[in-house]
């Protein structure tokens, strides 16, 4: 039976200033005008951005590692891991272009 373990939380491995994926997205949106931010939220675009960002994070991770809530989990034993060497979750997530995901759901572009 495969045992899993927590590799770390979002704010430890990805964004030390924000404790959740949603907080990270909010921080990225904070650069826009308040009216635009409100339209992003009221239209549901904010939720879609968060969903797509989470999906992109999952796609960047090895198949046996997952972001569950705000923590990363994966195999406990080295023999059960699908990758060689150290797993650098930080680098994997940094490779995701959150701005492009936001642009894809921008209410001013629809």
PDB file of N, CA and C in Angstrom:
ATOM      1  N   UNK A   1       0.845  -1.180   0.000  1.00  0.00           N
ATOM      2  CA  UNK A   1       0.000   0.000   0.000  1.00  0.00           C
ATOM      3  C   UNK A   1       0.892   1.246   0.000  1.00  0.00           C
ATOM      4  N   UNK A   2       0.562   2.181  -0.852  1.00  0.00           N
ATOM      5  CA  UNK A   2       1.342   3.403  -0.958  1.00  0.00           C
ATOM      6  C   UNK A   2       0.960   4.376   0.161  1.00  0.00           C
ATOM      7  N   UNK A   3       1.980   4.876   0.845  1.00  0.00           N
ATOM      8  CA  UNK A   3       1.775   5.909   1.864  1.00  0.00           C
ATOM      9  C   UNK A   3       2.134   7.249   1.267  1.00  0.00           C
ATOM     10  N   UNK A   4       1.370   8.258   1.615  1.00  0.00           N
ATOM     11  CA  UNK A   4       1.684   9.601   1.148  1.00  0.00           C
ATOM     12  C   UNK A   4       2.140  10.453   2.318  1.00  0.00           C
ATOM     13  N   UNK A   5       2.800  11.520   1.966  1.00  0.00           N
ATOM     14  CA  UNK A   5       3.269  12.462   2.967  1.00  0.00           C
ATOM     15  C   UNK A   5       3.119  13.870   2.421  1.00  0.00           C
ATOM     16  N   UNK A   6       3.054  14.823   3.316  1.00  0.00           N
ATOM     17  CA  UNK A   6       2.977  16.215   2.897  1.00  0.00           C
ATOM     18  C   UNK A   6       4.382  16.725   2.602  1.00  0.00           C
ATOM     19  N   UNK A   7       4.545  17.331   1.422  1.00  0.00           N
ATOM     20  CA  UNK A   7       5.836  17.894   1.034  1.00  0.00           C
ATOM     21  C   UNK A   7       5.980  19.346   1.475  1.00  0.00           C
ATOM     22  N   UNK A   8       4.868  19.994   1.737  1.00  0.00           N
ATOM     23  CA  UNK A   8       4.897  21.384   2.175  1.00  0.00           C
ATOM     24  C   UNK A   8       3.656  22.118   1.733  1.00  0.00           C
ATOM     25  N   UNK A   9       3.486  23.288   2.270  1.00  0.00           N
ATOM     26  CA  UNK A   9       2.300  24.089   1.964  1.00  0.00           C
ATOM     27  C   UNK A   9       2.602  25.100   0.860  1.00  0.00           C
ATOM     28  N   UNK A  10       1.543  25.673   0.334  1.00  0.00           N
ATOM     29  CA  UNK A  10       1.641  26.664  -0.732  1.00  0.00           C
ATOM     30  C   UNK A  10       2.561  27.808  -0.317  1.00  0.00           C
ATOM     31  N   UNK A  11       2.361  28.330   0.898  1.00  0.00           N
ATOM     32  CA  UNK A  11       3.143  29.497   1.297  1.00  0.00           C
ATOM     33  C   UNK A  11       4.591  29.151   1.658  1.00  0.00           C
ATOM     34  N   UNK A  12       4.912  27.899   1.828  1.00  0.00           N
ATOM     35  CA  UNK A  12       6.297  27.501   2.076  1.00  0.00           C
ATOM     36  C   UNK A  12       7.009  27.198   0.756  1.00  0.00           C
ATOM     37  N   UNK A  13       6.329  26.525  -0.155  1.00  0.00           N
ATOM     38  CA  UNK A  13       6.974  26.074  -1.388  1.00  0.00           C
ATOM     39  C   UNK A  13       6.805  27.003  -2.584  1.00  0.00           C
ATOM     40  N   UNK A  14       5.753  27.821  -2.594  1.00  0.00           N
ATOM     41  CA  UNK A  14       5.457  28.601  -3.800  1.00  0.00           C
ATOM     42  C   UNK A  14       5.452  30.101  -3.556  1.00  0.00           C
ATOM     43  N   UNK A  15       4.670  30.561  -2.616  1.00  0.00           N
ATOM     44  CA  UNK A  15       4.460  31.997  -2.432  1.00  0.00           C
ATOM     45  C   UNK A  15       4.459  32.309  -0.941  1.00  0.00           C
ATOM     46  N   UNK A  16       5.590  32.746  -0.445  1.00  0.00           N
ATOM     47  CA  UNK A  16       5.721  32.945   1.000  1.00  0.00           C
ATOM     48  C   UNK A  16       4.864  34.075   1.543  1.00  0.00           C
ATOM     49  N   UNK A  17       4.313  34.897   0.668  1.00  0.00           N
ATOM     50  CA  UNK A  17       3.487  36.013   1.105  1.00  0.00           C
ATOM     51  C   UNK A  17       1.993  35.698   1.120  1.00  0.00           C
ATOM     52  N   UNK A  18       1.607  34.581   0.522  1.00  0.00           N
ATOM     53  CA  UNK A  18       0.187  34.230   0.413  1.00  0.00           C
ATOM     54  C   UNK A  18       0.002  32.758   0.746  1.00  0.00           C
ATOM     55  N   UNK A  19      -1.009  32.462   1.546  1.00  0.00           N
ATOM     56  CA  UNK A  19      -1.161  31.092   2.052  1.00  0.00           C
ATOM     57  C   UNK A  19      -2.012  30.190   1.176  1.00  0.00           C
ATOM     58  N   UNK A  20      -2.685  30.756   0.171  1.00  0.00           N
ATOM     59  CA  UNK A  20      -3.529  29.931  -0.689  1.00  0.00           C
ATOM     60  C   UNK A  20      -3.327  30.315  -2.154  1.00  0.00           C
ATOM     61  N   UNK A  21      -3.729  29.426  -3.035  1.00  0.00           N
ATOM     62  CA  UNK A  21      -3.720  29.717  -4.467  1.00  0.00           C
ATOM     63  C   UNK A  21      -4.571  30.954  -4.733  1.00  0.00           C
ATOM     64  N   UNK A  22      -5.716  30.994  -4.110  1.00  0.00           N
ATOM     65  CA  UNK A  22      -6.642  32.111  -4.313  1.00  0.00           C
ATOM     66  C   UNK A  22      -6.032  33.437  -3.861  1.00  0.00           C
ATOM     67  N   UNK A  23      -5.273  33.422  -2.760  1.00  0.00           N
ATOM     68  CA  UNK A  23      -4.600  34.642  -2.295  1.00  0.00           C
ATOM     69  C   UNK A  23      -3.541  35.092  -3.301  1.00  0.00           C
ATOM     70  N   UNK A  24      -2.842  34.149  -3.905  1.00  0.00           N
ATOM     71  CA  UNK A  24      -1.835  34.477  -4.916  1.00  0.00           C
ATOM     72  C   UNK A  24      -2.501  35.111  -6.133  1.00  0.00           C
ATOM     73  N   UNK A  25      -3.624  34.548  -6.566  1.00  0.00           N
ATOM     74  CA  UNK A  25      -4.361  35.119  -7.701  1.00  0.00           C
ATOM     75  C   UNK A  25      -4.866  36.509  -7.338  1.00  0.00           C
ATOM     76  N   UNK A  26      -5.409  36.665  -6.135  1.00  0.00           N
ATOM     77  CA  UNK A  26      -5.901  37.969  -5.689  1.00  0.00           C
ATOM     78  C   UNK A  26      -4.788  39.009  -5.734  1.00  0.00           C
ATOM     79  N   UNK A  27      -3.611  38.637  -5.258  1.00  0.00           N
ATOM     80  CA  UNK A  27      -2.479  39.569  -5.263  1.00  0.00           C
ATOM     81  C   UNK A  27      -2.120  39.992  -6.682  1.00  0.00           C
ATOM     82  N   UNK A  28      -2.205  39.063  -7.617  1.00  0.00           N
ATOM     83  CA  UNK A  28      -1.908  39.375  -9.016  1.00  0.00           C
ATOM     84  C   UNK A  28      -2.969  40.321  -9.585  1.00  0.00           C
ATOM     85  N   UNK A  29      -4.210  40.132  -9.198  1.00  0.00           N
ATOM     86  CA  UNK A  29      -5.299  40.983  -9.690  1.00  0.00           C
ATOM     87  C   UNK A  29      -5.276  42.372  -9.062  1.00  0.00           C
ATOM     88  N   UNK A  30      -4.661  42.489  -7.898  1.00  0.00           N
ATOM     89  CA  UNK A  30      -4.647  43.764  -7.174  1.00  0.00           C
ATOM     90  C   UNK A  30      -4.000  44.898  -7.952  1.00  0.00           C
ATOM     91  N   UNK A  31      -3.265  44.586  -8.993  1.00  0.00           N
ATOM     92  CA  UNK A  31      -2.641  45.631  -9.804  1.00  0.00           C
ATOM     93  C   UNK A  31      -3.627  46.340 -10.721  1.00  0.00           C
ATOM     94  N   UNK A  32      -4.795  45.752 -10.895  1.00  0.00           N
ATOM     95  CA  UNK A  32      -5.779  46.338 -11.803  1.00  0.00           C
ATOM     96  C   UNK A  32      -6.701  47.319 -11.093  1.00  0.00           C
ATOM     97  N   UNK A  33      -7.437  48.091 -11.864  1.00  0.00           N
ATOM     98  CA  UNK A  33      -8.385  49.043 -11.289  1.00  0.00           C
ATOM     99  C   UNK A  33      -9.449  48.326 -10.451  1.00  0.00           C
ATOM    100  N   UNK A  34      -9.914  48.958  -9.377  1.00  0.00           N
ATOM    101  CA  UNK A  34     -10.909  48.323  -8.504  1.00  0.00           C
ATOM    102  C   UNK A  34     -12.178  47.873  -9.237  1.00  0.00           C
ATOM    103  N   UNK A  35     -12.620  48.651 -10.218  1.00  0.00           N
ATOM    104  CA  UNK A  35     -13.841  48.293 -10.960  1.00  0.00           C
ATOM    105  C   UNK A  35     -13.614  47.002 -11.746  1.00  0.00           C
ATOM    106  N   UNK A  36     -12.453  46.881 -12.357  1.00  0.00           N
ATOM    107  CA  UNK A  36     -12.106  45.675 -13.105  1.00  0.00           C
ATOM    108  C   UNK A  36     -12.035  44.480 -12.174  1.00  0.00           C
ATOM    109  N   UNK A  37     -11.405  44.658 -11.022  1.00  0.00           N
ATOM    110  CA  UNK A  37     -11.306  43.567 -10.049  1.00  0.00           C
ATOM    111  C   UNK A  37     -12.698  43.079  -9.648  1.00  0.00           C
ATOM    112  N   UNK A  38     -13.600  44.013  -9.428  1.00  0.00           N
ATOM    113  CA  UNK A  38     -14.968  43.645  -9.046  1.00  0.00           C
ATOM    114  C   UNK A  38     -15.662  42.896 -10.182  1.00  0.00           C
ATOM    115  N   UNK A  39     -15.477  43.335 -11.419  1.00  0.00           N
ATOM    116  CA  UNK A  39     -16.075  42.630 -12.559  1.00  0.00           C
ATOM    117  C   UNK A  39     -15.483  41.226 -12.697  1.00  0.00           C
ATOM    118  N   UNK A  40     -14.196  41.076 -12.433  1.00  0.00           N
ATOM    119  CA  UNK A  40     -13.558  39.750 -12.481  1.00  0.00           C
ATOM    120  C   UNK A  40     -14.213  38.818 -11.461  1.00  0.00           C
ATOM    121  N   UNK A  41     -14.505  39.346 -10.288  1.00  0.00           N
ATOM    122  CA  UNK A  41     -15.129  38.519  -9.244  1.00  0.00           C
ATOM    123  C   UNK A  41     -16.610  38.257  -9.539  1.00  0.00           C
ATOM    124  N   UNK A  42     -17.344  39.285  -9.868  1.00  0.00           N
ATOM    125  CA  UNK A  42     -18.796  39.136 -10.038  1.00  0.00           C
ATOM    126  C   UNK A  42     -19.158  38.315 -11.275  1.00  0.00           C
ATOM    127  N   UNK A  43     -18.291  38.295 -12.264  1.00  0.00           N
ATOM    128  CA  UNK A  43     -18.566  37.530 -13.489  1.00  0.00           C
ATOM    129  C   UNK A  43     -18.205  36.055 -13.351  1.00  0.00           C
ATOM    130  N   UNK A  44     -17.483  35.716 -12.287  1.00  0.00           N
ATOM    131  CA  UNK A  44     -17.016  34.339 -12.125  1.00  0.00           C
ATOM    132  C   UNK A  44     -15.636  34.104 -12.710  1.00  0.00           C
ATOM    133  N   UNK A  45     -15.069  35.126 -13.352  1.00  0.00           N
ATOM    134  CA  UNK A  45     -13.744  34.982 -13.970  1.00  0.00           C
ATOM    135  C   UNK A  45     -12.677  34.666 -12.929  1.00  0.00           C
ATOM    136  N   UNK A  46     -12.788  35.272 -11.755  1.00  0.00           N
ATOM    137  CA  UNK A  46     -11.806  35.004 -10.692  1.00  0.00           C
ATOM    138  C   UNK A  46     -11.773  33.516 -10.352  1.00  0.00           C
ATOM    139  N   UNK A  47     -12.933  32.926 -10.194  1.00  0.00           N
ATOM    140  CA  UNK A  47     -13.006  31.495  -9.888  1.00  0.00           C
ATOM    141  C   UNK A  47     -12.429  30.639 -10.994  1.00  0.00           C
ATOM    142  N   UNK A  48     -12.689  31.030 -12.241  1.00  0.00           N
ATOM    143  CA  UNK A  48     -12.139  30.280 -13.378  1.00  0.00           C
ATOM    144  C   UNK A  48     -10.620  30.406 -13.449  1.00  0.00           C
ATOM    145  N   UNK A  49     -10.104  31.595 -13.126  1.00  0.00           N
ATOM    146  CA  UNK A  49      -8.647  31.774 -13.082  1.00  0.00           C
ATOM    147  C   UNK A  49      -8.050  30.851 -12.031  1.00  0.00           C
ATOM    148  N   UNK A  50      -8.662  30.826 -10.849  1.00  0.00           N
ATOM    149  CA  UNK A  50      -8.158  29.964  -9.767  1.00  0.00           C
ATOM    150  C   UNK A  50      -8.202  28.493 -10.182  1.00  0.00           C
ATOM    151  N   UNK A  51      -9.295  28.081 -10.797  1.00  0.00           N
ATOM    152  CA  UNK A  51      -9.416  26.687 -11.251  1.00  0.00           C
ATOM    153  C   UNK A  51      -8.350  26.351 -12.294  1.00  0.00           C
ATOM    154  N   UNK A  52      -8.162  27.235 -13.256  1.00  0.00           N
ATOM    155  CA  UNK A  52      -7.171  26.981 -14.308  1.00  0.00           C
ATOM    156  C   UNK A  52      -5.749  27.002 -13.759  1.00  0.00           C
ATOM    157  N   UNK A  53      -5.494  27.872 -12.797  1.00  0.00           N
ATOM    158  CA  UNK A  53      -4.162  27.929 -12.188  1.00  0.00           C
ATOM    159  C   UNK A  53      -3.887  26.640 -11.412  1.00  0.00           C
ATOM    160  N   UNK A  54      -4.880  26.188 -10.649  1.00  0.00           N
ATOM    161  CA  UNK A  54      -4.726  24.913  -9.936  1.00  0.00           C
ATOM    162  C   UNK A  54      -4.501  23.762 -10.923  1.00  0.00           C
ATOM    163  N   UNK A  55      -5.235  23.767 -12.025  1.00  0.00           N
ATOM    164  CA  UNK A  55      -5.072  22.715 -13.038  1.00  0.00           C
ATOM    165  C   UNK A  55      -3.666  22.776 -13.646  1.00  0.00           C
ATOM    166  N   UNK A  56      -3.160  23.979 -13.876  1.00  0.00           N
ATOM    167  CA  UNK A  56      -1.808  24.123 -14.427  1.00  0.00           C
ATOM    168  C   UNK A  56      -0.762  23.635 -13.428  1.00  0.00           C
ATOM    169  N   UNK A  57      -0.985  23.894 -12.152  1.00  0.00           N
ATOM    170  CA  UNK A  57      -0.076  23.400 -11.118  1.00  0.00           C
ATOM    171  C   UNK A  57      -0.083  21.878 -11.127  1.00  0.00           C
ATOM    172  N   UNK A  58      -1.266  21.287 -11.135  1.00  0.00           N
ATOM    173  CA  UNK A  58      -1.379  19.817 -11.160  1.00  0.00           C
ATOM    174  C   UNK A  58      -0.675  19.241 -12.383  1.00  0.00           C
ATOM    175  N   UNK A  59      -0.846  19.877 -13.528  1.00  0.00           N
ATOM    176  CA  UNK A  59      -0.233  19.375 -14.762  1.00  0.00           C
ATOM    177  C   UNK A  59       1.292  19.471 -14.714  1.00  0.00           C
ATOM    178  N   UNK A  60       1.817  20.421 -13.964  1.00  0.00           N
ATOM    179  CA  UNK A  60       3.263  20.597 -13.872  1.00  0.00           C
ATOM    180  C   UNK A  60       3.914  19.605 -12.906  1.00  0.00           C
ATOM    181  N   UNK A  61       3.126  19.038 -12.022  1.00  0.00           N
ATOM    182  CA  UNK A  61       3.653  18.114 -11.010  1.00  0.00           C
ATOM    183  C   UNK A  61       3.777  16.701 -11.569  1.00  0.00           C
ATOM    184  N   UNK A  62       4.657  15.902 -10.981  1.00  0.00           N
ATOM    185  CA  UNK A  62       4.686  14.484 -11.362  1.00  0.00           C
ATOM    186  C   UNK A  62       3.309  13.861 -11.092  1.00  0.00           C
ATOM    187  N   UNK A  63       2.969  12.789 -11.796  1.00  0.00           N
ATOM    188  CA  UNK A  63       1.623  12.212 -11.667  1.00  0.00           C
ATOM    189  C   UNK A  63       1.276  11.716 -10.261  1.00  0.00           C
ATOM    190  N   UNK A  64       2.270  11.418  -9.455  1.00  0.00           N
ATOM    191  CA  UNK A  64       1.977  10.911  -8.111  1.00  0.00           C
ATOM    192  C   UNK A  64       2.094  11.986  -7.032  1.00  0.00           C
ATOM    193  N   UNK A  65       2.151  13.265  -7.443  1.00  0.00           N
ATOM    194  CA  UNK A  65       2.177  14.394  -6.508  1.00  0.00           C
ATOM    195  C   UNK A  65       0.971  15.253  -6.823  1.00  0.00           C
ATOM    196  N   UNK A  66       0.354  15.795  -5.771  1.00  0.00           N
ATOM    197  CA  UNK A  66      -0.856  16.567  -5.989  1.00  0.00           C
ATOM    198  C   UNK A  66      -0.937  17.738  -5.012  1.00  0.00           C
ATOM    199  N   UNK A  67      -1.585  18.801  -5.478  1.00  0.00           N
ATOM    200  CA  UNK A  67      -1.916  19.926  -4.625  1.00  0.00           C
ATOM    201  C   UNK A  67      -3.316  19.667  -4.084  1.00  0.00           C
ATOM    202  N   UNK A  68      -3.404  19.416  -2.808  1.00  0.00           N
ATOM    203  CA  UNK A  68      -4.687  19.138  -2.152  1.00  0.00           C
ATOM    204  C   UNK A  68      -4.973  20.291  -1.205  1.00  0.00           C
ATOM    205  N   UNK A  69      -5.960  21.095  -1.556  1.00  0.00           N
ATOM    206  CA  UNK A  69      -6.201  22.305  -0.772  1.00  0.00           C
ATOM    207  C   UNK A  69      -5.029  23.242  -0.981  1.00  0.00           C
ATOM    208  N   UNK A  70      -4.264  23.453   0.076  1.00  0.00           N
ATOM    209  CA  UNK A  70      -3.110  24.339  -0.009  1.00  0.00           C
ATOM    210  C   UNK A  70      -1.815  23.642   0.380  1.00  0.00           C
ATOM    211  N   UNK A  71      -1.791  22.326   0.246  1.00  0.00           N
ATOM    212  CA  UNK A  71      -0.592  21.548   0.562  1.00  0.00           C
ATOM    213  C   UNK A  71      -0.308  20.550  -0.553  1.00  0.00           C
ATOM    214  N   UNK A  72       0.958  20.253  -0.726  1.00  0.00           N
ATOM    215  CA  UNK A  72       1.408  19.293  -1.730  1.00  0.00           C
ATOM    216  C   UNK A  72       1.653  17.947  -1.057  1.00  0.00           C
ATOM    217  N   UNK A  73       1.106  16.898  -1.656  1.00  0.00           N
ATOM    218  CA  UNK A  73       1.256  15.544  -1.131  1.00  0.00           C
ATOM    219  C   UNK A  73       1.793  14.628  -2.217  1.00  0.00           C
ATOM    220  N   UNK A  74       2.529  13.616  -1.774  1.00  0.00           N
ATOM    221  CA  UNK A  74       3.061  12.630  -2.693  1.00  0.00           C
ATOM    222  C   UNK A  74       3.578  11.424  -1.940  1.00  0.00           C
ATOM    223  N   UNK A  75       4.218  10.516  -2.670  1.00  0.00           N
ATOM    224  CA  UNK A  75       4.698   9.278  -2.065  1.00  0.00           C
ATOM    225  C   UNK A  75       5.662   9.531  -0.904  1.00  0.00           C
ATOM    226  N   UNK A  76       5.541   8.684   0.103  1.00  0.00           N
ATOM    227  CA  UNK A  76       6.392   8.794   1.280  1.00  0.00           C
ATOM    228  C   UNK A  76       7.744   8.126   1.070  1.00  0.00           C
ATOM    229  N   UNK A  77       7.773   7.038   0.329  1.00  0.00           N
ATOM    230  CA  UNK A  77       8.993   6.266   0.175  1.00  0.00           C
ATOM    231  C   UNK A  77       9.645   6.524  -1.184  1.00  0.00           C
ATOM    232  N   UNK A  78      10.957   6.615  -1.177  1.00  0.00           N
ATOM    233  CA  UNK A  78      11.698   6.882  -2.417  1.00  0.00           C
ATOM    234  C   UNK A  78      11.396   5.846  -3.485  1.00  0.00           C
ATOM    235  N   UNK A  79      11.176   4.618  -3.092  1.00  0.00           N
ATOM    236  CA  UNK A  79      10.919   3.555  -4.069  1.00  0.00           C
ATOM    237  C   UNK A  79       9.586   3.736  -4.790  1.00  0.00           C
ATOM    238  N   UNK A  80       8.711   4.557  -4.264  1.00  0.00           N
ATOM    239  CA  UNK A  80       7.395   4.768  -4.877  1.00  0.00           C
ATOM    240  C   UNK A  80       7.334   6.041  -5.718  1.00  0.00           C
ATOM    241  N   UNK A  81       8.405   6.810  -5.736  1.00  0.00           N
ATOM    242  CA  UNK A  81       8.416   8.084  -6.456  1.00  0.00           C
ATOM    243  C   UNK A  81       8.643   7.855  -7.945  1.00  0.00           C
ATOM    244  N   UNK A  82       8.006   8.681  -8.770  1.00  0.00           N
ATOM    245  CA  UNK A  82       8.108   8.532 -10.226  1.00  0.00           C
ATOM    246  C   UNK A  82       9.184   9.437 -10.830  1.00  0.00           C
ATOM    247  N   UNK A  83       9.993  10.095 -10.017  1.00  0.00           N
ATOM    248  CA  UNK A  83      11.034  10.979 -10.502  1.00  0.00           C
ATOM    249  C   UNK A  83      12.356  10.623  -9.816  1.00  0.00           C
ATOM    250  N   UNK A  84      13.418  11.076 -10.451  1.00  0.00           N
ATOM    251  CA  UNK A  84      14.749  10.861  -9.889  1.00  0.00           C
ATOM    252  C   UNK A  84      15.222  12.147  -9.221  1.00  0.00           C
ATOM    253  N   UNK A  85      15.965  12.022  -8.142  1.00  0.00           N
ATOM    254  CA  UNK A  85      16.530  13.186  -7.476  1.00  0.00           C
ATOM    255  C   UNK A  85      15.512  13.951  -6.657  1.00  0.00           C
ATOM    256  N   UNK A  86      15.852  15.195  -6.392  1.00  0.00           N
ATOM    257  CA  UNK A  86      14.979  16.055  -5.598  1.00  0.00           C
ATOM    258  C   UNK A  86      13.837  16.612  -6.456  1.00  0.00           C
ATOM    259  N   UNK A  87      12.695  16.748  -5.861  1.00  0.00           N
ATOM    260  CA  UNK A  87      11.550  17.345  -6.545  1.00  0.00           C
ATOM    261  C   UNK A  87      11.497  18.820  -6.172  1.00  0.00           C
ATOM    262  N   UNK A  88      11.651  19.692  -7.160  1.00  0.00           N
ATOM    263  CA  UNK A  88      11.646  21.132  -6.934  1.00  0.00           C
ATOM    264  C   UNK A  88      10.282  21.696  -7.326  1.00  0.00           C
ATOM    265  N   UNK A  89       9.344  21.603  -6.409  1.00  0.00           N
ATOM    266  CA  UNK A  89       7.982  22.080  -6.657  1.00  0.00           C
ATOM    267  C   UNK A  89       7.994  23.571  -6.952  1.00  0.00           C
ATOM    268  N   UNK A  90       8.822  24.314  -6.255  1.00  0.00           N
ATOM    269  CA  UNK A  90       8.901  25.762  -6.459  1.00  0.00           C
ATOM    270  C   UNK A  90       9.191  26.092  -7.925  1.00  0.00           C
ATOM    271  N   UNK A  91      10.192  25.460  -8.489  1.00  0.00           N
ATOM    272  CA  UNK A  91      10.553  25.726  -9.893  1.00  0.00           C
ATOM    273  C   UNK A  91       9.453  25.297 -10.855  1.00  0.00           C
ATOM    274  N   UNK A  92       8.818  24.176 -10.563  1.00  0.00           N
ATOM    275  CA  UNK A  92       7.734  23.710 -11.435  1.00  0.00           C
ATOM    276  C   UNK A  92       6.601  24.726 -11.485  1.00  0.00           C
ATOM    277  N   UNK A  93       6.220  25.266 -10.330  1.00  0.00           N
ATOM    278  CA  UNK A  93       5.112  26.229 -10.289  1.00  0.00           C
ATOM    279  C   UNK A  93       5.548  27.583 -10.845  1.00  0.00           C
ATOM    280  N   UNK A  94       6.793  27.960 -10.615  1.00  0.00           N
ATOM    281  CA  UNK A  94       7.278  29.232 -11.160  1.00  0.00           C
ATOM    282  C   UNK A  94       7.242  29.235 -12.689  1.00  0.00           C
ATOM    283  N   UNK A  95       7.255  28.071 -13.297  1.00  0.00           N
ATOM    284  CA  UNK A  95       7.193  27.971 -14.751  1.00  0.00           C
ATOM    285  C   UNK A  95       5.807  28.213 -15.330  1.00  0.00           C
ATOM    286  N   UNK A  96       4.821  28.385 -14.485  1.00  0.00           N
ATOM    287  CA  UNK A  96       3.442  28.619 -14.941  1.00  0.00           C
ATOM    288  C   UNK A  96       3.219  30.124 -15.063  1.00  0.00           C
ATOM    289  N   UNK A  97       2.671  30.541 -16.179  1.00  0.00           N
ATOM    290  CA  UNK A  97       2.419  31.959 -16.430  1.00  0.00           C
ATOM    291  C   UNK A  97       1.017  32.330 -15.949  1.00  0.00           C
ATOM    292  N   UNK A  98       0.934  32.776 -14.706  1.00  0.00           N
ATOM    293  CA  UNK A  98      -0.360  33.164 -14.136  1.00  0.00           C
ATOM    294  C   UNK A  98      -0.967  34.335 -14.901  1.00  0.00           C
ATOM    295  N   UNK A  99      -0.143  35.244 -15.357  1.00  0.00           N
ATOM    296  CA  UNK A  99      -0.665  36.397 -16.120  1.00  0.00           C
ATOM    297  C   UNK A  99      -1.402  35.944 -17.377  1.00  0.00           C
ATOM    298  N   UNK A 100      -0.890  34.929 -18.036  1.00  0.00           N
ATOM    299  CA  UNK A 100      -1.551  34.415 -19.239  1.00  0.00           C
ATOM    300  C   UNK A 100      -2.904  33.796 -18.891  1.00  0.00           C
ATOM    301  N   UNK A 101      -2.983  33.137 -17.752  1.00  0.00           N
ATOM    302  CA  UNK A 101      -4.259  32.548 -17.319  1.00  0.00           C
ATOM    303  C   UNK A 101      -5.250  33.662 -17.015  1.00  0.00           C
ATOM    304  N   UNK A 102      -4.797  34.706 -16.342  1.00  0.00           N
ATOM    305  CA  UNK A 102      -5.672  35.847 -16.057  1.00  0.00           C
ATOM    306  C   UNK A 102      -6.128  36.488 -17.359  1.00  0.00           C
ATOM    307  N   UNK A 103      -5.206  36.689 -18.291  1.00  0.00           N
ATOM    308  CA  UNK A 103      -5.564  37.300 -19.585  1.00  0.00           C
ATOM    309  C   UNK A 103      -6.615  36.476 -20.326  1.00  0.00           C
ATOM    310  N   UNK A 104      -6.546  35.161 -20.204  1.00  0.00           N
ATOM    311  CA  UNK A 104      -7.510  34.292 -20.890  1.00  0.00           C
ATOM    312  C   UNK A 104      -8.924  34.466 -20.348  1.00  0.00           C
ATOM    313  N   UNK A 105      -9.038  34.967 -19.121  1.00  0.00           N
ATOM    314  CA  UNK A 105     -10.355  35.139 -18.495  1.00  0.00           C
ATOM    315  C   UNK A 105     -10.690  36.613 -18.242  1.00  0.00           C
ATOM    316  N   UNK A 106      -9.888  37.508 -18.778  1.00  0.00           N
ATOM    317  CA  UNK A 106     -10.078  38.939 -18.548  1.00  0.00           C
ATOM    318  C   UNK A 106     -11.450  39.384 -19.064  1.00  0.00           C
ATOM    319  N   UNK A 107     -12.238  39.957 -18.178  1.00  0.00           N
ATOM    320  CA  UNK A 107     -13.588  40.380 -18.547  1.00  0.00           C
ATOM    321  C   UNK A 107     -13.565  41.502 -19.587  1.00  0.00           C
ATOM    322  N   UNK A 108     -12.481  42.226 -19.674  1.00  0.00           N
ATOM    323  CA  UNK A 108     -12.392  43.293 -20.666  1.00  0.00           C
ATOM    324  C   UNK A 108     -12.002  42.761 -22.048  1.00  0.00           C
ATOM    325  N   UNK A 109     -11.618  41.500 -22.116  1.00  0.00           N
ATOM    326  CA  UNK A 109     -11.226  40.891 -23.392  1.00  0.00           C
ATOM    327  C   UNK A 109     -12.318  40.006 -23.973  1.00  0.00           C
ATOM    328  N   UNK A 110     -13.343  39.750 -23.197  1.00  0.00           N
ATOM    329  CA  UNK A 110     -14.410  38.821 -23.645  1.00  0.00           C
ATOM    330  C   UNK A 110     -15.381  39.489 -24.563  1.00  0.00           C
TER     331      UNK A 110
END
